[in-house]
C-alpha atoms as a PDB file:
ATOM      1  CA  UNK A   1       9.791 -13.560  27.889  1.00  0.00           C
ATOM      2  CA  UNK A   2      11.237 -17.542  28.214  1.00  0.00           C
ATOM      3  CA  UNK A   3      11.856 -19.298  32.000  1.00  0.00           C
ATOM      4  CA  UNK A   4      14.356 -22.036  31.308  1.00  0.00           C
ATOM      5  CA  UNK A   5      15.859 -24.651  34.001  1.00  0.00           C
ATOM      6  CA  UNK A   6      19.795 -25.073  32.488  1.00  0.00           C
ATOM      7  CA  UNK A   7      19.794 -28.604  33.205  1.00  0.00           C
ATOM      8  CA  UNK A   8      17.000 -28.908  31.385  1.00  0.00           C
ATOM      9  CA  UNK A   9      18.045 -26.522  28.743  1.00  0.00           C
ATOM     10  CA  UNK A  10      21.660 -28.820  28.599  1.00  0.00           C
ATOM     11  CA  UNK A  11      19.265 -31.972  27.873  1.00  0.00           C
ATOM     12  CA  UNK A  12      17.781 -30.214  25.147  1.00  0.00           C
ATOM     13  CA  UNK A  13      20.558 -29.115  23.395  1.00  0.00           C
ATOM     14  CA  UNK A  14      22.418 -32.320  23.400  1.00  0.00           C
ATOM     15  CA  UNK A  15      19.204 -33.997  21.752  1.00  0.00           C
ATOM     16  CA  UNK A  16      18.623 -31.221  19.018  1.00  0.00           C
ATOM     17  CA  UNK A  17      22.602 -31.104  18.016  1.00  0.00           C
ATOM     18  CA  UNK A  18      22.001 -34.450  17.206  1.00  0.00           C
ATOM     19  CA  UNK A  19      18.872 -34.395  15.047  1.00  0.00           C
ATOM     20  CA  UNK A  20      20.263 -31.277  13.355  1.00  0.00           C
ATOM     21  CA  UNK A  21      17.386 -28.355  14.904  1.00  0.00           C
ATOM     22  CA  UNK A  22      20.499 -26.758  17.219  1.00  0.00           C
ATOM     23  CA  UNK A  23      19.859 -23.398  14.777  1.00  0.00           C
ATOM     24  CA  UNK A  24      16.432 -23.807  14.991  1.00  0.00           C
ATOM     25  CA  UNK A  25      16.364 -23.757  19.031  1.00  0.00           C
ATOM     26  CA  UNK A  26      18.872 -21.372  19.230  1.00  0.00           C
ATOM     27  CA  UNK A  27      17.470 -19.030  17.116  1.00  0.00           C
ATOM     28  CA  UNK A  28      14.099 -19.272  19.413  1.00  0.00           C
ATOM     29  CA  UNK A  29      16.545 -18.696  22.143  1.00  0.00           C
ATOM     30  CA  UNK A  30      17.772 -15.186  20.720  1.00  0.00           C
ATOM     31  CA  UNK A  31      14.337 -14.208  19.466  1.00  0.00           C
ATOM     32  CA  UNK A  32      12.534 -13.973  22.777  1.00  0.00           C
ATOM     33  CA  UNK A  33      13.161 -10.515  24.733  1.00  0.00           C
ATOM     34  CA  UNK A  34      14.141 -11.791  28.273  1.00  0.00           C
ATOM     35  CA  UNK A  35      15.499 -15.430  28.710  1.00  0.00           C
ATOM     36  CA  UNK A  36      15.631 -16.257  32.260  1.00  0.00           C
ATOM     37  CA  UNK A  37      18.122 -19.192  33.127  1.00  0.00           C
ATOM     38  CA  UNK A  38      16.909 -20.679  36.447  1.00  0.00           C
ATOM     39  CA  UNK A  39      19.471 -23.387  38.158  1.00  0.00           C
ATOM     40  CA  UNK A  40      22.394 -21.693  37.090  1.00  0.00           C
ATOM     41  CA  UNK A  41      25.376 -22.822  38.274  1.00  0.00           C
ATOM     42  CA  UNK A  42      23.826 -25.489  40.352  1.00  0.00           C
ATOM     43  CA  UNK A  43      25.853 -28.312  38.768  1.00  0.00           C
ATOM     44  CA  UNK A  44      29.192 -27.786  36.908  1.00  0.00           C
ATOM     45  CA  UNK A  45      29.077 -27.454  33.236  1.00  0.00           C
ATOM     46  CA  UNK A  46      31.049 -29.829  30.849  1.00  0.00           C
ATOM     47  CA  UNK A  47      32.917 -28.227  27.991  1.00  0.00           C
ATOM     48  CA  UNK A  48      30.288 -28.945  25.445  1.00  0.00           C
ATOM     49  CA  UNK A  49      27.326 -27.406  28.002  1.00  0.00           C
ATOM     50  CA  UNK A  50      29.915 -24.475  28.370  1.00  0.00           C
ATOM     51  CA  UNK A  51      30.593 -24.253  24.435  1.00  0.00           C
ATOM     52  CA  UNK A  52      26.489 -24.520  24.316  1.00  0.00           C
ATOM     53  CA  UNK A  53      25.843 -21.591  27.011  1.00  0.00           C
ATOM     54  CA  UNK A  54      28.744 -19.172  24.994  1.00  0.00           C
ATOM     55  CA  UNK A  55      26.705 -19.497  21.847  1.00  0.00           C
ATOM     56  CA  UNK A  56      23.602 -18.608  23.432  1.00  0.00           C
ATOM     57  CA  UNK A  57      25.420 -15.430  25.267  1.00  0.00           C
ATOM     58  CA  UNK A  58      26.929 -14.285  21.961  1.00  0.00           C
ATOM     59  CA  UNK A  59      23.688 -14.738  19.877  1.00  0.00           C
ATOM     60  CA  UNK A  60      22.197 -12.290  22.530  1.00  0.00           C
ATOM     61  CA  UNK A  61      25.041  -9.964  23.302  1.00  0.00           C
ATOM     62  CA  UNK A  62      23.893  -6.399  22.998  1.00  0.00           C
ATOM     63  CA  UNK A  63      20.267  -7.455  21.232  1.00  0.00           C
ATOM     64  CA  UNK A  64      18.244  -8.989  24.331  1.00  0.00           C
ATOM     65  CA  UNK A  65      18.240  -9.480  27.926  1.00  0.00           C
ATOM     66  CA  UNK A  66      19.369 -12.407  29.558  1.00  0.00           C
ATOM     67  CA  UNK A  67      19.303 -13.447  33.538  1.00  0.00           C
ATOM     68  CA  UNK A  68      20.392 -16.226  35.614  1.00  0.00           C
ATOM     69  CA  UNK A  69      19.653 -17.754  39.198  1.00  0.00           C
ATOM     70  CA  UNK A  70      18.907 -20.247  41.478  1.00  0.00           C
ATOM     71  CA  UNK A  71      15.634 -21.544  42.358  1.00  0.00           C
ATOM     72  CA  UNK A  72      15.566 -21.519  45.906  1.00  0.00           C
ATOM     73  CA  UNK A  73      16.835 -17.429  45.505  1.00  0.00           C
ATOM     74  CA  UNK A  74      13.753 -15.533  47.108  1.00  0.00           C
ATOM     75  CA  UNK A  75      14.885 -12.550  45.951  1.00  0.00           C
ATOM     76  CA  UNK A  76      15.340 -13.691  42.400  1.00  0.00           C
ATOM     77  CA  UNK A  77      12.033 -15.195  42.246  1.00  0.00           C
ATOM     78  CA  UNK A  78      10.183 -11.882  43.596  1.00  0.00           C
ATOM     79  CA  UNK A  79      12.161 -10.228  41.157  1.00  0.00           C
ATOM     80  CA  UNK A  80      10.890 -12.765  37.930  1.00  0.00           C
ATOM     81  CA  UNK A  81       7.512 -11.951  38.827  1.00  0.00           C
ATOM     82  CA  UNK A  82       7.983  -8.414  38.671  1.00  0.00           C
ATOM     83  CA  UNK A  83       9.455  -8.696  35.696  1.00  0.00           C
ATOM     84  CA  UNK A  84       6.648 -10.829  34.091  1.00  0.00           C
ATOM     85  CA  UNK A  85       3.853  -8.758  35.659  1.00  0.00           C
ATOM     86  CA  UNK A  86       5.664  -5.173  33.802  1.00  0.00           C
ATOM     87  CA  UNK A  87       6.648  -7.628  30.729  1.00  0.00           C
ATOM     88  CA  UNK A  88       2.693  -8.127  30.123  1.00  0.00           C
ATOM     89  CA  UNK A  89       1.566  -4.566  31.097  1.00  0.00           C
ATOM     90  CA  UNK A  90       3.760  -3.243  28.305  1.00  0.00           C
ATOM     91  CA  UNK A  91       2.394  -5.794  26.140  1.00  0.00           C
ATOM     92  CA  UNK A  92      -0.913  -5.447  26.480  1.00  0.00           C
ATOM     93  CA  UNK A  93      -0.537  -1.340  26.406  1.00  0.00           C
ATOM     94  CA  UNK A  94       1.630  -2.151  23.162  1.00  0.00           C
ATOM     95  CA  UNK A  95      -1.660  -4.052  21.773  1.00  0.00           C
ATOM     96  CA  UNK A  96      -4.136  -1.557  22.832  1.00  0.00           C
ATOM     97  CA  UNK A  97      -2.169   1.200  21.143  1.00  0.00           C
ATOM     98  CA  UNK A  98      -1.629  -0.810  17.644  1.00  0.00           C
ATOM     99  CA  UNK A  99      -5.348  -1.690  17.553  1.00  0.00           C
ATOM    100  CA  UNK A 100      -5.992   2.341  18.471  1.00  0.00           C
ATOM    101  CA  UNK A 101      -3.725   3.217  15.868  1.00  0.00           C
ATOM    102  CA  UNK A 102      -1.114   5.044  17.696  1.00  0.00           C
ATOM    103  CA  UNK A 103       2.571   4.316  16.998  1.00  0.00           C
ATOM    104  CA  UNK A 104       2.303   4.567  13.496  1.00  0.00           C
ATOM    105  CA  UNK A 105       4.329   7.073  11.366  1.00  0.00           C
ATOM    106  CA  UNK A 106       2.518   9.057   9.135  1.00  0.00           C
ATOM    107  CA  UNK A 107       4.416   9.306   6.159  1.00  0.00           C
ATOM    108  CA  UNK A 108       3.566  12.685   3.834  1.00  0.00           C
END
């Protein structure tokens, strides 16, 4: 899970596009299971920012989850905390299963 404030994300995207690290940042944003974009729609977007956002959504489409919201939304904050707790619990359970040798398919 990765939590990102949209204004900061757009600043980072503009910088990495200039120095050639743009594909690496897009890959990082694509790999995470859940991308939370906060402060979404708190300011108007430029054409370049719309293009960046489109590229991120396009790369994640039907592969990974993405969620947007506002910082001052109490319901979203509660939901994000619940998602994070659930994600951490599932990750711990998965790690425990791997340590115990569960979940591996046996091939004959």
